[in-house]
Amino acid sequence: MKIKKFTNIKFSIFYVIGYLYLKRHMFLLFFIKIIEKTTSLKYTKMANFKNEIKLNKLKNHF
C-alpha cells in the first residue's frame, strides 16, 4: 500500500508540473498583472504604450 501511495503522489506531482507547463502563459499573464499592480502607474503606462505600439505595428502589417 505504501508503494502504491508513493507512486500515486509521484504521478500527481508530474501531473501538476505538466498542467503548470501547459498553463504557463496564463500564469505568466497573472504574474505580470500582479507586478503591474505592485509597481508604479508610470511603469504600467509605459508598458501599455509599448503594447499599443506593437498593436499598431501588427495592424499596419495586416
PDB file of N, CA and C in Angstrom:
ATOM      1  N   MET A   1       0.833  -1.219   0.000  1.00  0.00           N
ATOM      2  CA  MET A   1       0.000   0.000   0.000  1.00  0.00           C
ATOM      3  C   MET A   1       0.869   1.272   0.000  1.00  0.00           C
ATOM      4  N   LYS A   2       1.943   1.258   0.805  1.00  0.00           N
ATOM      5  CA  LYS A   2       2.820   2.429   0.887  1.00  0.00           C
ATOM      6  C   LYS A   2       3.442   2.734  -0.478  1.00  0.00           C
ATOM      7  N   ILE A   3       3.870   1.666  -1.182  1.00  0.00           N
ATOM      8  CA  ILE A   3       4.489   1.838  -2.506  1.00  0.00           C
ATOM      9  C   ILE A   3       3.467   2.425  -3.479  1.00  0.00           C
ATOM     10  N   LYS A   4       2.233   1.904  -3.434  1.00  0.00           N
ATOM     11  CA  LYS A   4       1.167   2.394  -4.315  1.00  0.00           C
ATOM     12  C   LYS A   4       0.881   3.875  -4.044  1.00  0.00           C
ATOM     13  N   LYS A   5       0.795   4.231  -2.768  1.00  0.00           N
ATOM     14  CA  LYS A   5       0.557   5.634  -2.392  1.00  0.00           C
ATOM     15  C   LYS A   5       1.675   6.525  -2.913  1.00  0.00           C
ATOM     16  N   PHE A   6       2.914   6.053  -2.771  1.00  0.00           N
ATOM     17  CA  PHE A   6       4.074   6.828  -3.216  1.00  0.00           C
ATOM     18  C   PHE A   6       4.021   7.065  -4.723  1.00  0.00           C
ATOM     19  N   THR A   7       3.686   6.024  -5.483  1.00  0.00           N
ATOM     20  CA  THR A   7       3.598   6.170  -6.941  1.00  0.00           C
ATOM     21  C   THR A   7       2.474   7.124  -7.316  1.00  0.00           C
ATOM     22  N   ASN A   8       1.371   7.074  -6.577  1.00  0.00           N
ATOM     23  CA  ASN A   8       0.256   7.994  -6.827  1.00  0.00           C
ATOM     24  C   ASN A   8       0.681   9.436  -6.579  1.00  0.00           C
ATOM     25  N   ILE A   9       1.413   9.659  -5.491  1.00  0.00           N
ATOM     26  CA  ILE A   9       1.906  11.005  -5.165  1.00  0.00           C
ATOM     27  C   ILE A   9       2.853  11.472  -6.263  1.00  0.00           C
ATOM     28  N   LYS A  10       3.760  10.577  -6.680  1.00  0.00           N
ATOM     29  CA  LYS A  10       4.714  10.891  -7.749  1.00  0.00           C
ATOM     30  C   LYS A  10       3.959  11.269  -9.022  1.00  0.00           C
ATOM     31  N   PHE A  11       2.971  10.483  -9.380  1.00  0.00           N
ATOM     32  CA  PHE A  11       2.178  10.737 -10.585  1.00  0.00           C
ATOM     33  C   PHE A  11       1.460  12.076 -10.490  1.00  0.00           C
ATOM     34  N   SER A  12       0.875  12.359  -9.321  1.00  0.00           N
ATOM     35  CA  SER A  12       0.143  13.620  -9.139  1.00  0.00           C
ATOM     36  C   SER A  12       1.089  14.810  -9.261  1.00  0.00           C
ATOM     37  N   ILE A  13       2.314  14.679  -8.749  1.00  0.00           N
ATOM     38  CA  ILE A  13       3.305  15.759  -8.849  1.00  0.00           C
ATOM     39  C   ILE A  13       3.633  16.006 -10.319  1.00  0.00           C
ATOM     40  N   PHE A  14       3.860  14.925 -11.076  1.00  0.00           N
ATOM     41  CA  PHE A  14       4.138  15.062 -12.511  1.00  0.00           C
ATOM     42  C   PHE A  14       2.949  15.678 -13.238  1.00  0.00           C
ATOM     43  N   TYR A  15       1.746  15.285 -12.828  1.00  0.00           N
ATOM     44  CA  TYR A  15       0.528  15.824 -13.435  1.00  0.00           C
ATOM     45  C   TYR A  15       0.431  17.330 -13.205  1.00  0.00           C
ATOM     46  N   VAL A  16       0.706  17.751 -11.966  1.00  0.00           N
ATOM     47  CA  VAL A  16       0.657  19.175 -11.614  1.00  0.00           C
ATOM     48  C   VAL A  16       1.706  19.952 -12.406  1.00  0.00           C
ATOM     49  N   ILE A  17       2.923  19.393 -12.492  1.00  0.00           N
ATOM     50  CA  ILE A  17       4.004  20.056 -13.248  1.00  0.00           C
ATOM     51  C   ILE A  17       3.601  20.184 -14.717  1.00  0.00           C
ATOM     52  N   GLY A  18       3.040  19.125 -15.275  1.00  0.00           N
ATOM     53  CA  GLY A  18       2.581  19.147 -16.663  1.00  0.00           C
ATOM     54  C   GLY A  18       1.482  20.173 -16.874  1.00  0.00           C
ATOM     55  N   TYR A  19       0.542  20.228 -15.928  1.00  0.00           N
ATOM     56  CA  TYR A  19      -0.563  21.196 -16.002  1.00  0.00           C
ATOM     57  C   TYR A  19      -0.025  22.621 -15.960  1.00  0.00           C
ATOM     58  N   LEU A  20       0.916  22.877 -15.045  1.00  0.00           N
ATOM     59  CA  LEU A  20       1.531  24.204 -14.936  1.00  0.00           C
ATOM     60  C   LEU A  20       2.288  24.540 -16.214  1.00  0.00           C
ATOM     61  N   TYR A  21       2.963  23.527 -16.787  1.00  0.00           N
ATOM     62  CA  TYR A  21       3.721  23.738 -18.024  1.00  0.00           C
ATOM     63  C   TYR A  21       2.785  24.136 -19.160  1.00  0.00           C
ATOM     64  N   LEU A  22       1.619  23.480 -19.229  1.00  0.00           N
ATOM     65  CA  LEU A  22       0.633  23.801 -20.263  1.00  0.00           C
ATOM     66  C   LEU A  22       0.022  25.181 -20.048  1.00  0.00           C
ATOM     67  N   LYS A  23      -0.184  25.533 -18.796  1.00  0.00           N
ATOM     68  CA  LYS A  23      -0.858  26.785 -18.451  1.00  0.00           C
ATOM     69  C   LYS A  23       0.123  27.928 -18.151  1.00  0.00           C
ATOM     70  N   ARG A  24       1.411  27.732 -18.500  1.00  0.00           N
ATOM     71  CA  ARG A  24       2.445  28.711 -18.116  1.00  0.00           C
ATOM     72  C   ARG A  24       2.139  30.108 -18.629  1.00  0.00           C
ATOM     73  N   HIS A  25       1.544  30.206 -19.817  1.00  0.00           N
ATOM     74  CA  HIS A  25       1.242  31.524 -20.381  1.00  0.00           C
ATOM     75  C   HIS A  25       0.205  32.254 -19.522  1.00  0.00           C
ATOM     76  N   MET A  26      -0.804  31.511 -19.060  1.00  0.00           N
ATOM     77  CA  MET A  26      -1.830  32.090 -18.192  1.00  0.00           C
ATOM     78  C   MET A  26      -1.203  32.565 -16.879  1.00  0.00           C
ATOM     79  N   PHE A  27      -0.329  31.719 -16.317  1.00  0.00           N
ATOM     80  CA  PHE A  27       0.334  32.068 -15.063  1.00  0.00           C
ATOM     81  C   PHE A  27       1.242  33.275 -15.240  1.00  0.00           C
ATOM     82  N   LEU A  28       1.943  33.333 -16.383  1.00  0.00           N
ATOM     83  CA  LEU A  28       2.814  34.477 -16.666  1.00  0.00           C
ATOM     84  C   LEU A  28       1.996  35.758 -16.755  1.00  0.00           C
ATOM     85  N   LEU A  29       0.849  35.693 -17.437  1.00  0.00           N
ATOM     86  CA  LEU A  29      -0.026  36.867 -17.549  1.00  0.00           C
ATOM     87  C   LEU A  29      -0.505  37.319 -16.172  1.00  0.00           C
ATOM     88  N   PHE A  30      -0.903  36.341 -15.344  1.00  0.00           N
ATOM     89  CA  PHE A  30      -1.364  36.627 -13.982  1.00  0.00           C
ATOM     90  C   PHE A  30      -0.244  37.270 -13.166  1.00  0.00           C
ATOM     91  N   PHE A  31       0.972  36.709 -13.288  1.00  0.00           N
ATOM     92  CA  PHE A  31       2.151  37.219 -12.578  1.00  0.00           C
ATOM     93  C   PHE A  31       2.466  38.645 -13.018  1.00  0.00           C
ATOM     94  N   ILE A  32       2.376  38.900 -14.323  1.00  0.00           N
ATOM     95  CA  ILE A  32       2.623  40.240 -14.873  1.00  0.00           C
ATOM     96  C   ILE A  32       1.590  41.227 -14.325  1.00  0.00           C
ATOM     97  N   LYS A  33       0.330  40.797 -14.244  1.00  0.00           N
ATOM     98  CA  LYS A  33      -0.735  41.654 -13.703  1.00  0.00           C
ATOM     99  C   LYS A  33      -0.428  42.038 -12.259  1.00  0.00           C
ATOM    100  N   ILE A  34       0.027  41.059 -11.467  1.00  0.00           N
ATOM    101  CA  ILE A  34       0.383  41.318 -10.063  1.00  0.00           C
ATOM    102  C   ILE A  34       1.528  42.328 -10.001  1.00  0.00           C
ATOM    103  N   ILE A  35       2.544  42.126 -10.848  1.00  0.00           N
ATOM    104  CA  ILE A  35       3.696  43.043 -10.890  1.00  0.00           C
ATOM    105  C   ILE A  35       3.225  44.449 -11.248  1.00  0.00           C
ATOM    106  N   GLU A  36       2.353  44.553 -12.245  1.00  0.00           N
ATOM    107  CA  GLU A  36       1.839  45.861 -12.676  1.00  0.00           C
ATOM    108  C   GLU A  36       1.085  46.554 -11.542  1.00  0.00           C
ATOM    109  N   LYS A  37       0.330  45.788 -10.757  1.00  0.00           N
ATOM    110  CA  LYS A  37      -0.420  46.366  -9.634  1.00  0.00           C
ATOM    111  C   LYS A  37       0.520  46.852  -8.540  1.00  0.00           C
ATOM    112  N   THR A  38       1.594  46.099  -8.295  1.00  0.00           N
ATOM    113  CA  THR A  38       2.518  46.449  -7.215  1.00  0.00           C
ATOM    114  C   THR A  38       3.455  47.591  -7.608  1.00  0.00           C
ATOM    115  N   THR A  39       3.822  47.654  -8.883  1.00  0.00           N
ATOM    116  CA  THR A  39       4.730  48.719  -9.326  1.00  0.00           C
ATOM    117  C   THR A  39       3.957  50.005  -9.593  1.00  0.00           C
ATOM    118  N   SER A  40       4.699  51.063  -9.897  1.00  0.00           N
ATOM    119  CA  SER A  40       4.091  52.384 -10.107  1.00  0.00           C
ATOM    120  C   SER A  40       3.247  52.434 -11.378  1.00  0.00           C
ATOM    121  N   LEU A  41       2.353  53.430 -11.439  1.00  0.00           N
ATOM    122  CA  LEU A  41       1.488  53.625 -12.605  1.00  0.00           C
ATOM    123  C   LEU A  41       2.306  54.018 -13.837  1.00  0.00           C
ATOM    124  N   LYS A  42       3.394  54.724 -13.596  1.00  0.00           N
ATOM    125  CA  LYS A  42       4.265  55.163 -14.686  1.00  0.00           C
ATOM    126  C   LYS A  42       4.750  53.956 -15.490  1.00  0.00           C
ATOM    127  N   TYR A  43       5.158  52.907 -14.775  1.00  0.00           N
ATOM    128  CA  TYR A  43       5.653  51.694 -15.424  1.00  0.00           C
ATOM    129  C   TYR A  43       4.547  51.031 -16.248  1.00  0.00           C
ATOM    130  N   THR A  44       3.335  50.953 -15.674  1.00  0.00           N
ATOM    131  CA  THR A  44       2.216  50.323 -16.378  1.00  0.00           C
ATOM    132  C   THR A  44       1.837  51.138 -17.614  1.00  0.00           C
ATOM    133  N   LYS A  45       1.890  52.468 -17.485  1.00  0.00           N
ATOM    134  CA  LYS A  45       1.598  53.333 -18.630  1.00  0.00           C
ATOM    135  C   LYS A  45       2.613  53.106 -19.737  1.00  0.00           C
ATOM    136  N   MET A  46       3.893  52.968 -19.350  1.00  0.00           N
ATOM    137  CA  MET A  46       4.959  52.689 -20.309  1.00  0.00           C
ATOM    138  C   MET A  46       4.704  51.355 -21.007  1.00  0.00           C
ATOM    139  N   ALA A  47       4.330  50.338 -20.213  1.00  0.00           N
ATOM    140  CA  ALA A  47       4.056  49.013 -20.747  1.00  0.00           C
ATOM    141  C   ALA A  47       2.868  49.059 -21.711  1.00  0.00           C
ATOM    142  N   ASN A  48       1.816  49.776 -21.320  1.00  0.00           N
ATOM    143  CA  ASN A  48       0.636  49.923 -22.174  1.00  0.00           C
ATOM    144  C   ASN A  48       0.985  50.630 -23.475  1.00  0.00           C
ATOM    145  N   PHE A  49       1.817  51.654 -23.374  1.00  0.00           N
ATOM    146  CA  PHE A  49       2.256  52.404 -24.550  1.00  0.00           C
ATOM    147  C   PHE A  49       3.029  51.496 -25.504  1.00  0.00           C
ATOM    148  N   LYS A  50       3.920  50.672 -24.938  1.00  0.00           N
ATOM    149  CA  LYS A  50       4.690  49.718 -25.743  1.00  0.00           C
ATOM    150  C   LYS A  50       3.759  48.714 -26.417  1.00  0.00           C
ATOM    151  N   ASN A  51       2.757  48.243 -25.679  1.00  0.00           N
ATOM    152  CA  ASN A  51       1.780  47.303 -26.230  1.00  0.00           C
ATOM    153  C   ASN A  51       0.987  47.941 -27.367  1.00  0.00           C
ATOM    154  N   GLU A  52       0.620  49.209 -27.201  1.00  0.00           N
ATOM    155  CA  GLU A  52      -0.110  49.941 -28.246  1.00  0.00           C
ATOM    156  C   GLU A  52       0.729  50.047 -29.509  1.00  0.00           C
ATOM    157  N   ILE A  53       2.026  50.322 -29.339  1.00  0.00           N
ATOM    158  CA  ILE A  53       2.939  50.414 -30.487  1.00  0.00           C
ATOM    159  C   ILE A  53       2.978  49.067 -31.208  1.00  0.00           C
ATOM    160  N   LYS A  54       3.087  47.980 -30.424  1.00  0.00           N
ATOM    161  CA  LYS A  54       3.108  46.633 -31.004  1.00  0.00           C
ATOM    162  C   LYS A  54       1.818  46.355 -31.771  1.00  0.00           C
ATOM    163  N   LEU A  55       0.669  46.720 -31.183  1.00  0.00           N
ATOM    164  CA  LEU A  55      -0.629  46.516 -31.833  1.00  0.00           C
ATOM    165  C   LEU A  55      -0.718  47.304 -33.139  1.00  0.00           C
ATOM    166  N   ASN A  56      -0.259  48.558 -33.105  1.00  0.00           N
ATOM    167  CA  ASN A  56      -0.274  49.392 -34.308  1.00  0.00           C
ATOM    168  C   ASN A  56       0.595  48.791 -35.405  1.00  0.00           C
ATOM    169  N   LYS A  57       1.757  48.262 -35.009  1.00  0.00           N
ATOM    170  CA  LYS A  57       2.652  47.621 -35.976  1.00  0.00           C
ATOM    171  C   LYS A  57       1.970  46.410 -36.600  1.00  0.00           C
ATOM    172  N   LEU A  58       1.265  45.632 -35.764  1.00  0.00           N
ATOM    173  CA  LEU A  58       0.542  44.464 -36.260  1.00  0.00           C
ATOM    174  C   LEU A  58      -0.573  44.880 -37.218  1.00  0.00           C
ATOM    175  N   LYS A  59      -1.310  45.928 -36.847  1.00  0.00           N
ATOM    176  CA  LYS A  59      -2.398  46.435 -37.699  1.00  0.00           C
ATOM    177  C   LYS A  59      -1.852  46.903 -39.042  1.00  0.00           C
ATOM    178  N   ASN A  60      -0.732  47.616 -39.005  1.00  0.00           N
ATOM    179  CA  ASN A  60      -0.104  48.088 -40.238  1.00  0.00           C
ATOM    180  C   ASN A  60       0.378  46.919 -41.089  1.00  0.00           C
ATOM    181  N   HIS A  61       0.830  45.865 -40.424  1.00  0.00           N
ATOM    182  CA  HIS A  61       1.315  44.675 -41.137  1.00  0.00           C
ATOM    183  C   HIS A  61       0.179  44.016 -41.919  1.00  0.00           C
ATOM    184  N   PHE A  62      -1.007  43.951 -41.299  1.00  0.00           N
ATOM    185  CA  PHE A  62      -2.176  43.350 -41.957  1.00  0.00           C
ATOM    186  C   PHE A  62      -2.941  44.428 -42.720  1.00  0.00           C
TER     187      PHE A  62
END
